[in-house]
Amino acid sequence: MLLDTASMYFRAFYGVPEITADDGTPVNAVRGLLDFISRLVGDYRPTHLVCCWDNDWRPQWRVDLIPSYKAHRVEQEVAGEAPDVEEVPDPLEVQIPIILDVLDAFGICVLGADGYEADDVIGSLATGAGMPVDVVTGDRDLFQLVDDEAAVRVLYIARGVGNHERVTRDWVRAKYDIEPRQYADFATLRGDSSDGLPGVAGVGEKTAATLLNRFDDMDGIVTAAHDPDSDMGPGPRGKIKAAADYLEAAPTVVAVARDIDFADADLALPRVARDPDALADLADRYSLTSAVERLRQALAGDGG
């Protein structure tokens, strides 16, 4: 089970009522994330669990290709040449170190890679895993990883962890009329305002699906657009040709990495806490006793 951790703690922050520790520190995202993990572990009993992390939520190599990539999420520093930072509400920002401390005390694997997003960590771990994989996310981009033959599916939490959808090939076909392997090209053509991807002007979901069903992938679509003998209509042909620069760069931005090496990482689900004393101290300090106990029981398989 591969968790898109930021996707989950953002949802916990906005979905769980405000809760504070005795010292006033907000902990609703921490408690919500722990309860989400407890529920998923209890329901699915994974043998391996990874909290995938955004070491770089907006990698420069993606921005170099598409400057608008996630640009709307950036809060510019007023003075100097300070780097862009993601807009994270202060009451959430203070909880992220606590989340890391609690996960570490439990011994739950947290994995990131410098220069890459959590999506890339997930893509690399899911590819060639050699076992069934459930990807937990609210991000549609990861639909590109769905592979029934390799037993890779997405547990899509856009409507909440308790209301998640199991995304398989049939689900993607029914929803978008494409194959999961075509989803990255589909998103490139359609665009995605949440990621700052403009898409091809005048090409929406229906046209994108039609083009992919007819020409299979982005290379096939671009080749057909420049082939006067192809059966691509003049409207789509003109739109694809006009977007040549974008279509040269965007597929690399949208495709998740699949080749980051995590060979030495211990991904096994812990059955007992790695550091019970540290965990008890954190639970007491941040008023997390009940959430910690629920996750302890879920990991041990005696509840949760």
C-alpha atoms as a PDB file:
ATOM      1  CA  MET A   1       0.000   0.000   0.000  1.00  0.00           C
ATOM      2  CA  LEU A   2       1.529   3.272  -1.198  1.00  0.00           C
ATOM      3  CA  LEU A   3       0.162   6.411   0.433  1.00  0.00           C
ATOM      4  CA  ASP A   4       0.201   9.808  -1.254  1.00  0.00           C
ATOM      5  CA  THR A   5       0.869  11.278   2.172  1.00  0.00           C
ATOM      6  CA  ALA A   6       0.389  14.966   1.449  1.00  0.00           C
ATOM      7  CA  SER A   7      -2.887  14.241  -0.328  1.00  0.00           C
ATOM      8  CA  MET A   8      -4.038  12.506   2.834  1.00  0.00           C
ATOM      9  CA  TYR A   9      -2.879  15.002   5.444  1.00  0.00           C
ATOM     10  CA  PHE A  10      -4.328  17.912   3.474  1.00  0.00           C
ATOM     11  CA  ARG A  11      -7.672  16.108   3.480  1.00  0.00           C
ATOM     12  CA  ALA A  12      -7.325  15.395   7.175  1.00  0.00           C
ATOM     13  CA  PHE A  13      -6.528  19.034   7.895  1.00  0.00           C
ATOM     14  CA  TYR A  14      -9.572  20.323   6.049  1.00  0.00           C
ATOM     15  CA  GLY A  15     -11.889  17.461   6.961  1.00  0.00           C
ATOM     16  CA  VAL A  16     -11.221  16.936  10.672  1.00  0.00           C
ATOM     17  CA  PRO A  17     -12.524  19.575  13.111  1.00  0.00           C
ATOM     18  CA  GLU A  18      -9.904  21.713  14.802  1.00  0.00           C
ATOM     19  CA  ILE A  19      -8.186  19.834  17.617  1.00  0.00           C
ATOM     20  CA  THR A  20      -5.362  21.158  19.754  1.00  0.00           C
ATOM     21  CA  ALA A  21      -2.892  19.662  22.188  1.00  0.00           C
ATOM     22  CA  ASP A  22      -2.662  20.982  25.717  1.00  0.00           C
ATOM     23  CA  ASP A  23      -0.070  23.556  24.627  1.00  0.00           C
ATOM     24  CA  GLY A  24      -2.334  24.843  21.849  1.00  0.00           C
ATOM     25  CA  THR A  25      -0.591  23.087  18.974  1.00  0.00           C
ATOM     26  CA  PRO A  26      -3.128  22.099  16.289  1.00  0.00           C
ATOM     27  CA  VAL A  27      -3.147  18.338  15.676  1.00  0.00           C
ATOM     28  CA  ASN A  28      -6.221  17.678  13.545  1.00  0.00           C
ATOM     29  CA  ALA A  29      -4.125  16.723  10.488  1.00  0.00           C
ATOM     30  CA  VAL A  30      -1.975  14.393  12.586  1.00  0.00           C
ATOM     31  CA  ARG A  31      -4.945  12.677  14.178  1.00  0.00           C
ATOM     32  CA  GLY A  32      -6.850  12.491  10.911  1.00  0.00           C
ATOM     33  CA  LEU A  33      -3.911  10.977   9.036  1.00  0.00           C
ATOM     34  CA  LEU A  34      -3.361   8.367  11.733  1.00  0.00           C
ATOM     35  CA  ASP A  35      -7.037   7.428  11.630  1.00  0.00           C
ATOM     36  CA  PHE A  36      -6.945   7.220   7.827  1.00  0.00           C
ATOM     37  CA  ILE A  37      -3.984   4.836   8.005  1.00  0.00           C
ATOM     38  CA  SER A  38      -5.701   2.797  10.728  1.00  0.00           C
ATOM     39  CA  ARG A  39      -8.794   2.393   8.588  1.00  0.00           C
ATOM     40  CA  LEU A  40      -6.890   1.438   5.444  1.00  0.00           C
ATOM     41  CA  VAL A  41      -4.646  -1.033   7.237  1.00  0.00           C
ATOM     42  CA  GLY A  42      -7.626  -2.567   9.010  1.00  0.00           C
ATOM     43  CA  ASP A  43      -9.649  -2.867   5.804  1.00  0.00           C
ATOM     44  CA  TYR A  44      -6.927  -4.074   3.428  1.00  0.00           C
ATOM     45  CA  ARG A  45      -4.275  -5.714   5.648  1.00  0.00           C
ATOM     46  CA  PRO A  46      -1.274  -4.808   3.467  1.00  0.00           C
ATOM     47  CA  THR A  47       2.005  -6.625   4.010  1.00  0.00           C
ATOM     48  CA  HIS A  48       3.970  -3.506   3.075  1.00  0.00           C
ATOM     49  CA  LEU A  49       3.135   0.156   3.677  1.00  0.00           C
ATOM     50  CA  VAL A  50       4.941   3.287   2.514  1.00  0.00           C
ATOM     51  CA  CYS A  51       4.145   6.914   3.248  1.00  0.00           C
ATOM     52  CA  CYS A  52       5.426   8.460   0.021  1.00  0.00           C
ATOM     53  CA  TRP A  53       6.778  11.955   0.489  1.00  0.00           C
ATOM     54  CA  ASP A  54       7.227  15.121  -1.564  1.00  0.00           C
ATOM     55  CA  ASN A  55      10.917  15.881  -1.141  1.00  0.00           C
ATOM     56  CA  ASP A  56      10.309  18.400  -3.912  1.00  0.00           C
ATOM     57  CA  TRP A  57       6.648  19.201  -4.538  1.00  0.00           C
ATOM     58  CA  ARG A  58       7.492  21.296  -7.648  1.00  0.00           C
ATOM     59  CA  PRO A  59      10.696  19.914  -9.191  1.00  0.00           C
ATOM     60  CA  GLN A  60      12.696  22.437 -11.154  1.00  0.00           C
ATOM     61  CA  TRP A  61      13.086  20.075 -14.096  1.00  0.00           C
ATOM     62  CA  ARG A  62       9.296  20.032 -14.498  1.00  0.00           C
ATOM     63  CA  VAL A  63       9.084  23.834 -14.167  1.00  0.00           C
ATOM     64  CA  ASP A  64      11.826  24.230 -16.783  1.00  0.00           C
ATOM     65  CA  LEU A  65       9.661  22.283 -19.221  1.00  0.00           C
ATOM     66  CA  ILE A  66       6.307  23.893 -18.288  1.00  0.00           C
ATOM     67  CA  PRO A  67       6.829  27.172 -16.345  1.00  0.00           C
ATOM     68  CA  SER A  68       3.156  27.267 -15.308  1.00  0.00           C
ATOM     69  CA  TYR A  69       3.480  23.894 -13.549  1.00  0.00           C
ATOM     70  CA  LYS A  70       1.834  24.338 -10.118  1.00  0.00           C
ATOM     71  CA  ALA A  71       2.579  28.060 -10.378  1.00  0.00           C
ATOM     72  CA  HIS A  72      -0.784  29.005  -8.872  1.00  0.00           C
ATOM     73  CA  ARG A  73       0.143  27.139  -5.693  1.00  0.00           C
ATOM     74  CA  VAL A  74       3.232  29.212  -5.162  1.00  0.00           C
ATOM     75  CA  GLU A  75       3.516  31.994  -2.645  1.00  0.00           C
ATOM     76  CA  GLN A  76       6.197  34.390  -3.866  1.00  0.00           C
ATOM     77  CA  GLU A  77       8.595  35.722  -1.263  1.00  0.00           C
ATOM     78  CA  VAL A  78       8.438  39.511  -1.234  1.00  0.00           C
ATOM     79  CA  ALA A  79      12.110  40.186  -0.624  1.00  0.00           C
ATOM     80  CA  GLY A  80      15.248  38.898  -2.307  1.00  0.00           C
ATOM     81  CA  GLU A  81      15.548  35.837  -4.484  1.00  0.00           C
ATOM     82  CA  ALA A  82      14.107  33.402  -1.985  1.00  0.00           C
ATOM     83  CA  PRO A  83      12.888  30.175  -3.561  1.00  0.00           C
ATOM     84  CA  ASP A  84       9.240  29.610  -4.232  1.00  0.00           C
ATOM     85  CA  VAL A  85       7.387  27.846  -1.470  1.00  0.00           C
ATOM     86  CA  GLU A  86       4.114  25.997  -1.553  1.00  0.00           C
ATOM     87  CA  GLU A  87       1.184  27.689   0.098  1.00  0.00           C
ATOM     88  CA  VAL A  88       0.611  25.615   3.226  1.00  0.00           C
ATOM     89  CA  PRO A  89      -1.648  26.983   5.970  1.00  0.00           C
ATOM     90  CA  ASP A  90       0.387  27.717   9.097  1.00  0.00           C
ATOM     91  CA  PRO A  91      -1.776  25.464  11.338  1.00  0.00           C
ATOM     92  CA  LEU A  92      -0.951  22.599   8.958  1.00  0.00           C
ATOM     93  CA  GLU A  93       2.710  23.458   8.523  1.00  0.00           C
ATOM     94  CA  VAL A  94       3.412  23.069  12.236  1.00  0.00           C
ATOM     95  CA  GLN A  95       1.877  19.583  12.153  1.00  0.00           C
ATOM     96  CA  ILE A  96       4.102  18.125   9.432  1.00  0.00           C
ATOM     97  CA  PRO A  97       7.135  17.564  11.724  1.00  0.00           C
ATOM     98  CA  ILE A  98       4.805  15.921  14.246  1.00  0.00           C
ATOM     99  CA  ILE A  99       3.473  13.612  11.529  1.00  0.00           C
ATOM    100  CA  LEU A 100       7.033  12.601  10.648  1.00  0.00           C
ATOM    101  CA  ASP A 101       7.951  12.019  14.289  1.00  0.00           C
ATOM    102  CA  VAL A 102       4.904   9.806  14.893  1.00  0.00           C
ATOM    103  CA  LEU A 103       5.442   7.780  11.726  1.00  0.00           C
ATOM    104  CA  ASP A 104       9.092   7.310  12.680  1.00  0.00           C
ATOM    105  CA  ALA A 105       8.192   6.144  16.188  1.00  0.00           C
ATOM    106  CA  PHE A 106       5.785   3.605  14.698  1.00  0.00           C
ATOM    107  CA  GLY A 107       8.467   2.470  12.268  1.00  0.00           C
ATOM    108  CA  ILE A 108       6.274   3.170   9.237  1.00  0.00           C
ATOM    109  CA  CYS A 109       8.411   3.674   6.152  1.00  0.00           C
ATOM    110  CA  VAL A 110       8.539   7.243   4.829  1.00  0.00           C
ATOM    111  CA  LEU A 111      10.188   7.548   1.426  1.00  0.00           C
ATOM    112  CA  GLY A 112      11.032  10.559  -0.696  1.00  0.00           C
ATOM    113  CA  ALA A 113      13.634  11.318  -3.332  1.00  0.00           C
ATOM    114  CA  ASP A 114      15.406  14.622  -3.869  1.00  0.00           C
ATOM    115  CA  GLY A 115      14.194  16.324  -7.024  1.00  0.00           C
ATOM    116  CA  TYR A 116      11.023  14.251  -7.163  1.00  0.00           C
ATOM    117  CA  GLU A 117       7.433  14.361  -5.975  1.00  0.00           C
ATOM    118  CA  ALA A 118       5.568  11.697  -4.038  1.00  0.00           C
ATOM    119  CA  ASP A 119       3.881  10.686  -7.313  1.00  0.00           C
ATOM    120  CA  ASP A 120       7.295   9.706  -8.665  1.00  0.00           C
ATOM    121  CA  VAL A 121       8.086   7.688  -5.553  1.00  0.00           C
ATOM    122  CA  ILE A 122       4.752   5.909  -5.953  1.00  0.00           C
ATOM    123  CA  GLY A 123       5.344   5.278  -9.652  1.00  0.00           C
ATOM    124  CA  SER A 124       8.776   3.813  -9.012  1.00  0.00           C
ATOM    125  CA  LEU A 125       7.603   1.550  -6.187  1.00  0.00           C
ATOM    126  CA  ALA A 126       4.470   0.403  -8.034  1.00  0.00           C
ATOM    127  CA  THR A 127       6.355  -0.496 -11.212  1.00  0.00           C
ATOM    128  CA  GLY A 128       7.681  -4.031 -11.044  1.00  0.00           C
ATOM    129  CA  ALA A 129       6.671  -4.450  -7.413  1.00  0.00           C
ATOM    130  CA  GLY A 130       6.088  -8.159  -7.857  1.00  0.00           C
ATOM    131  CA  MET A 131       3.025  -8.069  -5.621  1.00  0.00           C
ATOM    132  CA  PRO A 132      -0.440  -6.454  -5.691  1.00  0.00           C
ATOM    133  CA  VAL A 133      -0.258  -2.707  -5.088  1.00  0.00           C
ATOM    134  CA  ASP A 134      -2.884  -0.286  -3.789  1.00  0.00           C
ATOM    135  CA  VAL A 135      -2.098   3.394  -4.349  1.00  0.00           C
ATOM    136  CA  VAL A 136      -4.009   5.692  -2.002  1.00  0.00           C
ATOM    137  CA  THR A 137      -4.430   9.187  -3.432  1.00  0.00           C
ATOM    138  CA  GLY A 138      -6.793  11.971  -4.343  1.00  0.00           C
ATOM    139  CA  ASP A 139      -4.688  12.767  -7.430  1.00  0.00           C
ATOM    140  CA  ARG A 140      -6.089  11.663 -10.784  1.00  0.00           C
ATOM    141  CA  ASP A 141      -2.621  11.747 -12.365  1.00  0.00           C
ATOM    142  CA  LEU A 142      -1.853   8.434 -10.711  1.00  0.00           C
ATOM    143  CA  PHE A 143      -4.559   6.698 -12.730  1.00  0.00           C
ATOM    144  CA  GLN A 144      -1.762   6.215 -15.281  1.00  0.00           C
ATOM    145  CA  LEU A 145      -0.345   3.528 -12.974  1.00  0.00           C
ATOM    146  CA  VAL A 146      -3.467   1.336 -12.973  1.00  0.00           C
ATOM    147  CA  ASP A 147      -2.584  -2.065 -14.395  1.00  0.00           C
ATOM    148  CA  ASP A 148      -4.921  -5.001 -13.871  1.00  0.00           C
ATOM    149  CA  GLU A 149      -2.351  -7.531 -15.108  1.00  0.00           C
ATOM    150  CA  ALA A 150       0.226  -6.304 -12.582  1.00  0.00           C
ATOM    151  CA  ALA A 151      -2.487  -5.952  -9.887  1.00  0.00           C
ATOM    152  CA  VAL A 152      -1.921  -2.230  -9.465  1.00  0.00           C
ATOM    153  CA  ARG A 153      -5.026  -0.224  -8.610  1.00  0.00           C
ATOM    154  CA  VAL A 154      -5.767   3.188  -7.116  1.00  0.00           C
ATOM    155  CA  LEU A 155      -7.874   3.750  -4.023  1.00  0.00           C
ATOM    156  CA  TYR A 156      -9.203   7.177  -4.979  1.00  0.00           C
ATOM    157  CA  ILE A 157     -10.021   9.298  -1.931  1.00  0.00           C
ATOM    158  CA  ALA A 158     -11.368  12.460  -3.566  1.00  0.00           C
ATOM    159  CA  ARG A 159     -14.694  11.919  -1.767  1.00  0.00           C
ATOM    160  CA  GLY A 160     -12.988  10.887   1.456  1.00  0.00           C
ATOM    161  CA  VAL A 161     -11.068   7.887   2.740  1.00  0.00           C
ATOM    162  CA  GLY A 162     -14.265   6.303   3.981  1.00  0.00           C
ATOM    163  CA  ASN A 163     -15.891   6.815   0.569  1.00  0.00           C
ATOM    164  CA  HIS A 164     -12.953   5.866  -1.639  1.00  0.00           C
ATOM    165  CA  GLU A 165     -13.341   4.289  -5.058  1.00  0.00           C
ATOM    166  CA  ARG A 166     -11.323   1.312  -6.303  1.00  0.00           C
ATOM    167  CA  VAL A 167      -9.919   2.396  -9.645  1.00  0.00           C
ATOM    168  CA  THR A 168      -9.251  -0.442 -12.086  1.00  0.00           C
ATOM    169  CA  ARG A 169      -9.055  -0.659 -15.873  1.00  0.00           C
ATOM    170  CA  ASP A 170     -12.826  -1.019 -16.150  1.00  0.00           C
ATOM    171  CA  TRP A 171     -13.329   2.028 -13.911  1.00  0.00           C
ATOM    172  CA  VAL A 172     -11.027   4.167 -16.069  1.00  0.00           C
ATOM    173  CA  ARG A 173     -12.660   2.897 -19.274  1.00  0.00           C
ATOM    174  CA  ALA A 174     -16.123   3.680 -17.936  1.00  0.00           C
ATOM    175  CA  LYS A 175     -15.128   7.120 -16.676  1.00  0.00           C
ATOM    176  CA  TYR A 176     -12.913   8.405 -19.494  1.00  0.00           C
ATOM    177  CA  ASP A 177     -13.241   5.936 -22.415  1.00  0.00           C
ATOM    178  CA  ILE A 178      -9.488   5.341 -22.481  1.00  0.00           C
ATOM    179  CA  GLU A 179      -7.009   2.767 -21.187  1.00  0.00           C
ATOM    180  CA  PRO A 180      -5.144   3.598 -17.964  1.00  0.00           C
ATOM    181  CA  ARG A 181      -1.826   3.590 -19.879  1.00  0.00           C
ATOM    182  CA  GLN A 182      -3.258   6.460 -21.954  1.00  0.00           C
ATOM    183  CA  TYR A 183      -4.205   8.590 -18.968  1.00  0.00           C
ATOM    184  CA  ALA A 184      -1.018  10.693 -18.915  1.00  0.00           C
ATOM    185  CA  ASP A 185      -1.497  11.616 -22.583  1.00  0.00           C
ATOM    186  CA  PHE A 186      -5.189  12.228 -21.913  1.00  0.00           C
ATOM    187  CA  ALA A 187      -4.324  14.650 -19.082  1.00  0.00           C
ATOM    188  CA  THR A 188      -1.718  16.353 -21.265  1.00  0.00           C
ATOM    189  CA  LEU A 189      -4.251  16.960 -24.042  1.00  0.00           C
ATOM    190  CA  ARG A 190      -7.120  17.992 -21.754  1.00  0.00           C
ATOM    191  CA  GLY A 191      -4.972  20.013 -19.395  1.00  0.00           C
ATOM    192  CA  ASP A 192      -5.265  20.171 -15.625  1.00  0.00           C
ATOM    193  CA  SER A 193      -5.800  23.515 -13.929  1.00  0.00           C
ATOM    194  CA  SER A 194      -4.897  22.032 -10.542  1.00  0.00           C
ATOM    195  CA  ASP A 195      -1.375  21.377 -11.842  1.00  0.00           C
ATOM    196  CA  GLY A 196      -1.096  24.466 -14.034  1.00  0.00           C
ATOM    197  CA  LEU A 197      -1.175  22.456 -17.261  1.00  0.00           C
ATOM    198  CA  PRO A 198      -2.915  24.470 -19.993  1.00  0.00           C
ATOM    199  CA  GLY A 199      -3.688  21.541 -22.262  1.00  0.00           C
ATOM    200  CA  VAL A 200      -4.307  21.905 -25.983  1.00  0.00           C
ATOM    201  CA  ALA A 201      -6.620  24.825 -26.679  1.00  0.00           C
ATOM    202  CA  GLY A 202     -10.026  23.591 -27.773  1.00  0.00           C
ATOM    203  CA  VAL A 203      -9.403  19.957 -26.795  1.00  0.00           C
ATOM    204  CA  GLY A 204     -11.549  18.679 -23.949  1.00  0.00           C
ATOM    205  CA  GLU A 205     -12.036  15.217 -22.487  1.00  0.00           C
ATOM    206  CA  LYS A 206     -14.229  13.899 -25.307  1.00  0.00           C
ATOM    207  CA  THR A 207     -11.880  14.987 -28.088  1.00  0.00           C
ATOM    208  CA  ALA A 208      -8.845  13.772 -26.160  1.00  0.00           C
ATOM    209  CA  ALA A 209     -10.406  10.335 -25.715  1.00  0.00           C
ATOM    210  CA  THR A 210     -11.425  10.186 -29.384  1.00  0.00           C
ATOM    211  CA  LEU A 211      -7.894  11.028 -30.519  1.00  0.00           C
ATOM    212  CA  LEU A 212      -6.333   8.457 -28.211  1.00  0.00           C
ATOM    213  CA  ASN A 213      -8.745   5.740 -29.266  1.00  0.00           C
ATOM    214  CA  ARG A 214      -7.968   6.469 -32.887  1.00  0.00           C
ATOM    215  CA  PHE A 215      -4.197   7.107 -32.731  1.00  0.00           C
ATOM    216  CA  ASP A 216      -3.258   5.270 -29.505  1.00  0.00           C
ATOM    217  CA  ASP A 217      -0.800   7.679 -27.881  1.00  0.00           C
ATOM    218  CA  MET A 218       0.731  11.140 -28.100  1.00  0.00           C
ATOM    219  CA  ASP A 219       3.336  10.132 -30.665  1.00  0.00           C
ATOM    220  CA  GLY A 220       0.613   8.660 -32.837  1.00  0.00           C
ATOM    221  CA  ILE A 221      -1.527  11.796 -32.505  1.00  0.00           C
ATOM    222  CA  VAL A 222       1.314  14.191 -33.341  1.00  0.00           C
ATOM    223  CA  THR A 223       2.418  12.033 -36.272  1.00  0.00           C
ATOM    224  CA  ALA A 224      -1.133  11.941 -37.650  1.00  0.00           C
ATOM    225  CA  ALA A 225      -1.486  15.716 -37.264  1.00  0.00           C
ATOM    226  CA  HIS A 226       1.535  16.221 -39.518  1.00  0.00           C
ATOM    227  CA  ASP A 227       0.586  13.524 -41.998  1.00  0.00           C
ATOM    228  CA  PRO A 228      -1.633  14.976 -44.727  1.00  0.00           C
ATOM    229  CA  ASP A 229      -2.857  11.490 -45.575  1.00  0.00           C
ATOM    230  CA  SER A 230      -4.088  10.642 -42.062  1.00  0.00           C
ATOM    231  CA  ASP A 231      -7.801  10.667 -41.265  1.00  0.00           C
ATOM    232  CA  MET A 232      -7.475  13.320 -38.531  1.00  0.00           C
ATOM    233  CA  GLY A 233     -10.033  16.064 -39.054  1.00  0.00           C
ATOM    234  CA  PRO A 234      -8.932  19.612 -39.861  1.00  0.00           C
ATOM    235  CA  GLY A 235     -10.098  20.974 -36.498  1.00  0.00           C
ATOM    236  CA  PRO A 236      -8.089  18.674 -34.232  1.00  0.00           C
ATOM    237  CA  ARG A 237      -5.208  18.689 -36.718  1.00  0.00           C
ATOM    238  CA  GLY A 238      -4.862  22.459 -36.474  1.00  0.00           C
ATOM    239  CA  LYS A 239      -5.125  22.442 -32.677  1.00  0.00           C
ATOM    240  CA  ILE A 240      -2.471  19.743 -32.272  1.00  0.00           C
ATOM    241  CA  LYS A 241      -0.079  21.483 -34.656  1.00  0.00           C
ATOM    242  CA  ALA A 242      -0.603  24.833 -32.934  1.00  0.00           C
ATOM    243  CA  ALA A 243       0.327  23.263 -29.595  1.00  0.00           C
ATOM    244  CA  ALA A 244       3.543  21.687 -30.866  1.00  0.00           C
ATOM    245  CA  ASP A 245       5.855  23.287 -28.286  1.00  0.00           C
ATOM    246  CA  TYR A 246       3.569  22.384 -25.385  1.00  0.00           C
ATOM    247  CA  LEU A 247       3.129  18.797 -26.605  1.00  0.00           C
ATOM    248  CA  GLU A 248       6.879  18.363 -26.874  1.00  0.00           C
ATOM    249  CA  ALA A 249       7.405  19.241 -23.206  1.00  0.00           C
ATOM    250  CA  ALA A 250       4.222  18.301 -21.337  1.00  0.00           C
ATOM    251  CA  PRO A 251       4.293  14.488 -21.620  1.00  0.00           C
ATOM    252  CA  THR A 252       7.551  14.401 -19.655  1.00  0.00           C
ATOM    253  CA  VAL A 253       6.018  16.618 -16.982  1.00  0.00           C
ATOM    254  CA  VAL A 254       2.831  14.569 -16.638  1.00  0.00           C
ATOM    255  CA  ALA A 255       4.378  11.096 -16.707  1.00  0.00           C
ATOM    256  CA  VAL A 256       5.402   9.913 -13.247  1.00  0.00           C
ATOM    257  CA  ALA A 257       8.925   8.619 -12.801  1.00  0.00           C
ATOM    258  CA  ARG A 258       9.221   4.852 -12.609  1.00  0.00           C
ATOM    259  CA  ASP A 259      12.948   4.338 -12.178  1.00  0.00           C
ATOM    260  CA  ILE A 260      13.954   5.765  -8.782  1.00  0.00           C
ATOM    261  CA  ASP A 261      15.959   3.122  -6.946  1.00  0.00           C
ATOM    262  CA  PHE A 262      14.653   2.203  -3.496  1.00  0.00           C
ATOM    263  CA  ALA A 263      16.197  -1.249  -3.401  1.00  0.00           C
ATOM    264  CA  ASP A 264      17.546  -0.864   0.138  1.00  0.00           C
ATOM    265  CA  ALA A 265      14.361   0.472   1.737  1.00  0.00           C
ATOM    266  CA  ASP A 266      12.474  -1.625   4.287  1.00  0.00           C
ATOM    267  CA  LEU A 267       8.859  -1.376   3.165  1.00  0.00           C
ATOM    268  CA  ALA A 268       7.365  -4.000   5.464  1.00  0.00           C
ATOM    269  CA  LEU A 269       4.359  -3.031   7.547  1.00  0.00           C
ATOM    270  CA  PRO A 270       5.459  -2.881  11.202  1.00  0.00           C
ATOM    271  CA  ARG A 271       3.429  -5.023  13.572  1.00  0.00           C
ATOM    272  CA  VAL A 272       4.679  -3.253  16.691  1.00  0.00           C
ATOM    273  CA  ALA A 273       6.005   0.261  17.240  1.00  0.00           C
ATOM    274  CA  ARG A 274       9.707   0.722  16.546  1.00  0.00           C
ATOM    275  CA  ASP A 275      10.113   3.100  19.508  1.00  0.00           C
ATOM    276  CA  PRO A 276       7.273   2.624  22.000  1.00  0.00           C
ATOM    277  CA  ASP A 277       8.681   5.148  24.492  1.00  0.00           C
ATOM    278  CA  ALA A 278       8.973   7.911  21.896  1.00  0.00           C
ATOM    279  CA  LEU A 279       5.503   7.072  20.623  1.00  0.00           C
ATOM    280  CA  ALA A 280       4.039   7.279  24.129  1.00  0.00           C
ATOM    281  CA  ASP A 281       5.733  10.634  24.696  1.00  0.00           C
ATOM    282  CA  LEU A 282       4.356  12.006  21.410  1.00  0.00           C
ATOM    283  CA  ALA A 283       0.868  10.674  22.152  1.00  0.00           C
ATOM    284  CA  ASP A 284       0.890  12.319  25.576  1.00  0.00           C
ATOM    285  CA  ARG A 285       2.389  15.609  24.434  1.00  0.00           C
ATOM    286  CA  TYR A 286       0.045  16.094  21.495  1.00  0.00           C
ATOM    287  CA  SER A 287      -3.147  14.515  22.875  1.00  0.00           C
ATOM    288  CA  LEU A 288      -2.979  11.673  20.359  1.00  0.00           C
ATOM    289  CA  THR A 289      -3.467   8.728  22.703  1.00  0.00           C
ATOM    290  CA  SER A 290      -6.677   7.412  21.146  1.00  0.00           C
ATOM    291  CA  ALA A 291      -5.470   7.820  17.536  1.00  0.00           C
ATOM    292  CA  VAL A 292      -2.137   6.186  18.345  1.00  0.00           C
ATOM    293  CA  GLU A 293      -3.870   3.282  20.061  1.00  0.00           C
ATOM    294  CA  ARG A 294      -6.189   2.741  17.088  1.00  0.00           C
ATOM    295  CA  LEU A 295      -3.236   2.546  14.736  1.00  0.00           C
ATOM    296  CA  ARG A 296      -1.300   0.307  17.132  1.00  0.00           C
ATOM    297  CA  GLN A 297      -4.220  -2.125  17.151  1.00  0.00           C
ATOM    298  CA  ALA A 298      -4.595  -1.974  13.369  1.00  0.00           C
ATOM    299  CA  LEU A 299      -0.920  -2.728  12.828  1.00  0.00           C
ATOM    300  CA  ALA A 300      -1.027  -5.599  15.290  1.00  0.00           C
ATOM    301  CA  GLY A 301      -4.125  -6.983  13.594  1.00  0.00           C
ATOM    302  CA  ASP A 302      -6.139  -7.072  16.815  1.00  0.00           C
ATOM    303  CA  GLY A 303      -8.523  -4.237  15.963  1.00  0.00           C
ATOM    304  CA  GLY A 304      -8.685  -1.002  13.999  1.00  0.00           C
END
